[in-house]
Structure formats: structure tokens, C-alpha cells
Protein backbone atom coordinates (compact mmCIF):
# COMPACT_ATOMS: atom_id res chain seq x y z
CA MET A 1 89.47 89.77 122.77
CA ALA A 2 92.61 89.11 124.87
CA ASP A 3 93.95 86.72 122.14
CA ILE A 4 93.74 89.02 118.92
CA THR A 5 97.19 89.38 117.42
CA GLN A 6 98.51 92.86 116.61
CA LYS A 7 98.13 91.53 112.82
CA GLU A 8 95.06 91.20 113.16
CA ILE A 9 93.89 94.56 114.99
CA THR A 10 95.89 96.55 112.48
CA LYS A 11 94.39 94.52 109.63
CA ALA A 12 91.19 95.40 111.18
CA ASN A 13 91.75 98.85 111.61
CA ARG A 14 93.28 98.99 108.22
CA ALA A 15 89.58 97.63 107.12
CA ALA A 16 87.94 100.13 108.43
CA TRP A 17 89.44 102.77 107.81
CA ASN A 18 88.77 101.89 103.97
CA ALA A 19 85.28 101.54 105.03
CA SER A 20 85.44 104.92 105.77
CA ALA A 21 87.29 106.35 102.95
CA PRO A 22 84.31 107.14 100.61
CA LEU A 23 82.43 109.38 102.47
CA HIS A 24 85.16 111.56 103.13
CA GLY A 25 86.09 112.21 99.23
CA GLU A 26 82.99 113.37 98.06
CA GLY A 27 80.29 116.24 98.81
CA LYS A 28 81.09 119.77 99.53
CA HIS A 29 84.10 119.52 102.16
CA TRP A 30 86.05 117.40 100.14
CA GLU A 31 85.29 119.77 97.16
CA GLN A 32 86.49 122.64 99.16
CA LEU A 33 89.36 121.19 100.39
CA LEU A 34 90.41 120.09 96.73
CA GLU A 35 90.05 124.06 95.36
CA ASN A 36 92.02 125.07 98.42
CA ALA A 37 94.18 122.71 97.92
CA ALA A 38 95.31 124.56 94.21
CA HIS A 39 95.77 127.79 96.32
CA PRO A 40 99.42 129.23 96.93
CA GLY A 41 99.86 128.98 100.79
CA PHE A 42 97.06 126.06 101.31
CA SER A 43 97.31 124.94 105.25
CA VAL A 44 94.19 124.00 107.58
CA LEU A 45 97.08 123.67 110.13
CA ASP A 46 95.23 125.47 113.14
CA PRO A 47 97.02 128.72 114.90
CA PHE A 48 98.52 126.07 117.98
CA LEU A 49 100.61 123.71 115.15
CA THR A 50 101.39 126.51 113.21
CA ALA A 51 102.96 128.03 116.06
CA THR A 52 104.69 125.09 117.13
CA LEU A 53 106.61 124.17 114.09
CA GLU A 54 107.32 127.55 113.02
CA GLY A 55 109.46 128.02 116.17
CA LEU A 56 111.63 124.28 115.06
CA ASP A 57 113.30 126.65 112.28
CA LEU A 58 112.59 123.65 109.89
CA LYS A 59 112.18 125.69 106.73
CA GLY A 60 113.61 123.71 103.84
CA LYS A 61 113.82 120.55 105.98
CA SER A 62 112.27 117.13 104.86
CA ALA A 63 109.28 116.16 106.45
CA VAL A 64 106.88 112.67 106.60
CA GLN A 65 103.70 112.27 108.17
CA ILE A 66 102.74 109.30 110.17
CA GLY A 67 99.10 108.46 109.47
CA CYS A 68 98.80 111.17 106.74
CA ASN A 69 95.28 110.27 106.32
CA ASN A 70 94.00 112.07 103.05
CA ALA A 71 97.91 114.04 103.67
CA ARG A 72 95.90 117.60 104.26
CA GLU A 73 98.07 118.50 107.03
CA LEU A 74 101.45 117.26 105.23
CA ILE A 75 100.69 119.38 102.42
CA SER A 76 100.37 122.39 104.88
CA LEU A 77 103.51 122.22 105.74
CA ALA A 78 105.15 123.84 102.53
CA SER A 79 102.80 126.98 102.85
CA LEU A 80 105.33 126.74 106.42
CA GLY A 81 108.60 126.36 103.77
CA ILE A 82 108.62 122.48 104.74
CA LEU A 83 109.46 120.18 102.62
CA PRO A 84 106.52 117.51 102.57
CA GLU A 85 108.38 114.44 101.10
CA MET A 86 106.51 111.14 102.31
CA GLY A 87 102.68 110.83 103.55
CA ILE A 88 102.49 106.94 104.87
CA ASP A 89 99.08 104.58 105.69
CA GLN A 90 97.88 101.79 105.64
CA ALA A 91 94.50 103.08 104.30
CA SER A 92 94.85 102.72 100.49
CA GLY A 93 91.06 104.64 100.56
CA PHE A 94 93.23 107.89 101.79
CA LEU A 95 95.76 107.70 99.76
CA ALA A 96 94.12 108.20 97.05
CA GLN A 97 92.31 111.11 97.86
CA ALA A 98 95.66 112.51 99.38
CA LYS A 99 97.17 111.85 95.58
CA LYS A 100 94.64 114.06 94.70
CA LEU A 101 95.13 116.93 97.06
CA ALA A 102 99.03 116.55 96.46
CA ASP A 103 98.34 117.38 92.96
CA ALA A 104 96.02 119.93 93.13
CA ALA A 105 99.09 121.69 94.92
CA GLY A 106 101.74 121.21 92.75
CA LEU A 107 103.50 118.53 94.68
CA ASP A 108 105.37 115.39 94.45
CA LEU A 109 105.17 113.16 97.30
CA ARG A 110 105.88 109.96 98.04
CA LEU A 111 102.62 108.23 99.28
CA LEU A 112 103.42 104.71 100.85
CA GLU A 113 100.95 102.32 101.87
CA ALA A 114 102.25 100.33 104.73
CA ASP A 115 101.40 99.14 108.42
CA ILE A 116 103.39 101.02 110.24
CA TYR A 117 104.78 98.22 111.83
CA GLU A 118 105.85 96.51 108.33
CA LEU A 119 107.45 99.35 106.36
CA PRO A 120 110.15 98.46 103.46
CA SER A 121 113.35 99.14 104.45
CA ASP A 122 113.55 101.60 101.61
CA VAL A 123 111.48 104.18 103.28
CA GLY A 124 114.53 106.85 104.36
CA GLN A 125 115.21 109.38 107.03
CA PHE A 126 113.86 112.79 107.22
CA ASP A 127 114.12 115.64 109.35
CA LEU A 128 110.04 115.94 110.92
CA ALA A 129 108.04 113.43 111.53
CA LEU A 130 104.62 114.54 112.09
CA ILE A 131 101.43 112.55 113.99
CA THR A 132 98.44 114.06 114.31
CA ILE A 133 95.53 113.10 115.95
CA GLY A 134 93.56 110.07 115.79
CA VAL A 135 96.88 108.00 115.42
CA LEU A 136 98.21 106.82 118.31
CA ASN A 137 95.15 105.33 119.86
CA TRP A 138 95.06 102.80 117.13
CA MET A 139 98.17 101.60 117.72
CA PRO A 140 98.58 98.60 119.67
CA ASP A 141 102.34 98.55 120.70
CA LEU A 142 103.20 102.11 121.14
CA SER A 143 107.04 100.68 122.62
CA GLU A 144 107.39 99.13 118.49
CA PHE A 145 105.18 101.84 117.30
CA PHE A 146 107.66 104.91 118.50
CA ARG A 147 110.90 102.78 117.83
CA ILE A 148 110.05 102.22 114.63
CA THR A 149 109.37 106.10 114.03
CA SER A 150 112.22 106.57 116.49
CA GLY A 151 114.06 104.97 113.32
CA LEU A 152 112.74 107.58 110.53
CA LEU A 153 114.59 110.69 111.98
CA ALA A 154 117.71 111.95 111.01
CA PRO A 155 119.91 112.72 114.04
CA GLY A 156 118.49 115.82 115.29
CA GLY A 157 115.63 115.35 113.67
CA ARG A 158 112.44 116.42 115.60
CA LEU A 159 109.12 114.60 115.85
CA VAL A 160 106.14 116.92 116.80
CA ILE A 161 102.79 115.21 118.03
CA TYR A 162 99.35 116.95 117.65
CA GLU A 163 97.02 114.77 119.16
CA THR A 164 93.72 114.22 121.78
CA HIS A 165 94.56 114.49 125.30
CA PRO A 166 93.91 110.82 126.92
CA PHE A 167 92.18 111.94 129.84
CA MET A 168 89.23 113.29 127.47
CA GLU A 169 89.15 109.57 126.49
CA VAL A 170 87.51 108.48 129.83
CA PHE A 171 84.22 110.41 128.86
CA ASP A 172 82.00 109.64 126.51
CA PRO A 173 79.75 112.50 124.70
CA ALA A 174 76.89 110.30 123.96
CA SER A 175 75.72 108.82 127.92
CA SER A 176 73.41 110.06 129.76
CA THR A 177 76.30 111.24 132.36
CA PRO A 178 78.45 112.84 129.50
CA PHE A 179 80.81 114.18 132.79
CA GLU A 180 81.06 111.40 134.61
CA PRO A 181 83.81 109.07 133.19
CA ALA A 182 82.50 106.33 131.60
CA PHE A 183 85.98 104.28 131.15
CA SER A 184 89.35 103.58 133.29
CA TYR A 185 92.32 106.21 132.33
CA PHE A 186 93.92 103.10 132.87
CA GLU A 187 92.03 100.50 130.53
CA ARG A 188 94.85 97.75 128.44
CA GLN A 189 92.14 96.29 126.58
CA PRO A 190 90.85 97.74 123.21
CA GLN A 191 88.00 99.54 122.69
CA THR A 192 85.50 98.17 119.77
CA VAL A 193 84.89 100.77 117.14
CA THR A 194 82.20 99.70 115.04
CA GLU A 195 80.05 103.07 113.45
CA ALA A 196 81.64 104.56 110.18
CA ILE A 197 84.48 106.76 111.27
CA THR A 198 83.95 110.45 110.48
CA TYR A 199 84.52 113.95 111.39
CA ASP A 200 81.68 115.30 111.37
CA GLY A 201 79.36 114.31 113.90
CA GLU A 202 76.87 112.64 112.14
CA ASP A 203 75.87 109.34 112.16
CA HIS A 204 76.64 107.59 108.81
CA GLY A 205 75.67 104.01 109.82
CA GLU A 206 77.93 100.67 110.87
CA GLY A 207 81.19 100.41 109.00
CA GLU A 208 84.13 97.66 110.01
CA THR A 209 85.44 96.56 113.30
CA GLY A 210 88.31 98.89 113.99
CA TYR A 211 90.26 98.60 118.10
CA TRP A 212 90.62 101.73 119.69
CA PHE A 213 93.35 102.29 122.57
CA ILE A 214 93.74 104.53 125.74
CA HIS A 215 97.57 105.26 125.89
CA PRO A 216 97.72 107.39 129.64
CA LEU A 217 99.84 110.35 128.47
CA GLY A 218 102.76 108.86 130.53
CA GLU A 219 103.00 105.87 128.59
CA ILE A 220 102.99 107.73 125.54
CA ILE A 221 105.89 109.72 127.64
CA THR A 222 107.77 106.90 128.18
CA ALA A 223 107.76 104.74 125.13
CA CYS A 224 108.83 108.94 123.05
CA ALA A 225 111.62 108.64 125.50
CA GLN A 226 112.78 104.93 125.46
CA SER A 227 112.84 104.82 121.95
CA GLY A 228 116.32 107.38 121.75
CA LEU A 229 114.17 110.80 121.30
CA GLY A 230 114.71 114.10 124.10
CA ILE A 231 111.34 115.69 125.11
CA ILE A 232 111.32 119.03 124.12
CA GLU A 233 108.38 119.99 124.95
CA LEU A 234 104.95 119.21 126.45
CA ARG A 235 102.20 121.62 125.84
CA GLU A 236 98.67 120.50 127.12
CA TYR A 237 95.72 122.37 125.87
CA GLY A 238 91.88 123.25 127.06
CA HIS A 239 90.51 123.26 123.23
CA THR A 240 89.01 120.56 121.04
CA ILE A 241 90.69 118.80 118.01
CA ARG A 242 88.32 116.40 118.22
CA GLU A 243 84.77 115.49 116.26
CA PRO A 244 81.45 117.98 117.16
CA LYS A 245 80.48 115.93 119.96
CA TYR A 246 82.94 116.89 121.76
CA ASP A 247 82.51 120.47 121.84
CA ILE A 248 80.38 120.00 125.70
CA TYR A 249 84.18 119.69 127.46
CA GLU A 250 85.49 123.06 126.14
CA GLY A 251 85.21 126.04 127.38
CA ARG A 252 84.43 125.37 130.81
CA SER A 253 84.99 127.10 134.41
CA ALA A 254 86.67 123.59 135.27
CA GLN A 255 88.70 122.53 132.40
CA ILE A 256 89.69 118.95 131.99
CA PRO A 257 92.86 118.85 129.19
CA MET A 258 91.29 118.15 125.59
CA SER A 259 94.82 117.75 123.88
CA TYR A 260 98.85 118.50 123.65
CA CYS A 261 100.97 119.11 121.60
CA LEU A 262 104.41 116.64 121.99
CA VAL A 263 108.07 118.01 120.96
CA ALA A 264 111.31 115.46 120.71
CA ARG A 265 114.43 115.85 118.96
CA LYS A 266 116.55 112.38 117.58
CA VAL A 267 119.17 111.76 120.67
CA SER A 268 120.23 108.46 119.85
CA SER A 269 119.28 104.62 119.54
CA PRO A 270 116.35 103.40 120.90
CA GLN A 271 117.11 101.61 124.27
CA GLY A 272 117.25 97.99 124.66
CA ARG A 273 117.24 98.11 120.59
């Protein structure tokens, strides 16, 4: 595992997500999503992320989503008056779904199929960069990821990350002892993911092998700050935004952090770059 390269990791993760894409672009949930996207005010954003974005005065401003998947969240920004301009993802299967949703919503999005570590030079800059759950943990190099993210922001632009809390990655809900730590918070080796990637909590069998990383919150904050982004706010939540199997950790008297929202502003060039 130690000798696998960053390029091999991102290539494997691309294959894993493309293999799972057909599971997301069919069935009642997909048909309902496609129908809803055509309605005015369409949004899949929860109240917490919605409130954060509304408080940033971004109406009429441009937005890019990094790791946009099928762009349902990027498209939802239009309901807040934010201009969804670009979605970046390396999985062509999900970008094909994004095109269908954008067409249903009447939006002309630029959907860029690319490894985030190897972006073309003409991507441009935006007023908002949005990252939601299931992006950071697939990234083998946080410092380089945030350096590139910072470069996508115009001066004064904001970064909003709404992600699963890294402390929750210590636990395995499928374990016979799900409330005992199963992984080290400080584990640096990638975790091998072999099952098909879905959100419904159902077992869809084996997929392509991907690689998942536990990035401690301190490393996330440090990489963000060193990329030229000033931290504005970090909110930690006790609610889950993960698959249904993680629901067992919510609503307890001794509540663990389950998600967080980080807001930062572009203030300078990355340190040491």
C-alpha cells in the first residue's frame, strides 16, 4: 500500500466512482430528482448549509463545485440567487447525469471532467467554491488539494466545505461493537474500499477498488490556512449527513461530532508556493 502513487490512487478512485454511477442514475429516486430539478426553486441543500450560504451575501456571484457528482447541489445554488457556473468531477458517469439535471433545470453549466490535481489552465476563478460530503476523504494530498482550490477563487472569494466529521471515521457502524473505535484518528494509510459506492445503505455488491483517507480536522484547517485562505468560521454538528447506517450515532446523550461546515475567504497566495 505504501508504494501506491497519487496518480494511481486518483485513477483507481475515478474507476470506482464510474463503476457506481449506473446505480445512481436509475430508479424512483433518480426519476424523482430529475422531475424536481425542473421545478422553480429546486434545492437539495439542507437547512444548515442553506443558512450558511445565505449569510455570505453571494447573490449574483459565480460558483464552482469541486467533486460535483451529479451537480444536484451545484444546481441548487440557483435557488439562493447564486450563479452555478462550473462543476468539476473526474467521473464521466456522474457528469452525464449532471447534464441531464442541468438541462431539466434550464441551466447552462460547464461540466469539467478532470482530476482535481491536473486541472487545465483555463478553468477560471469564482466567487464561491463549494465542497460537500464525500470529497476530502478521497484526496491523497490535502495541501495540494487546497492550493488548487485556492487558485479557483477570485480575491475575496469564499470556500464553503460541508463534510462528514473526521472523528466519526474512527467508528465502524457495521462492526459488532460499533461504539468502540475501529480505526485510529491518526491513521495515514488509505483505507481500501471494495464495495459499490451508494448512498441508500443497501448492499450493491463489489465495485472497483478505491482508496479512502482519514484526514484529521487539524490537518484540514492547516492545509486550508496555508493555501492562502483565511478561516472565517468552523461549525461542528451532531447530525449525520452520511449513509443511513451512521444514524446510530445521532441523537445520543453523549453526542459525537458527525459533520462540520468550514467557511474561508481568499486573502493571499498560498504559502511557500
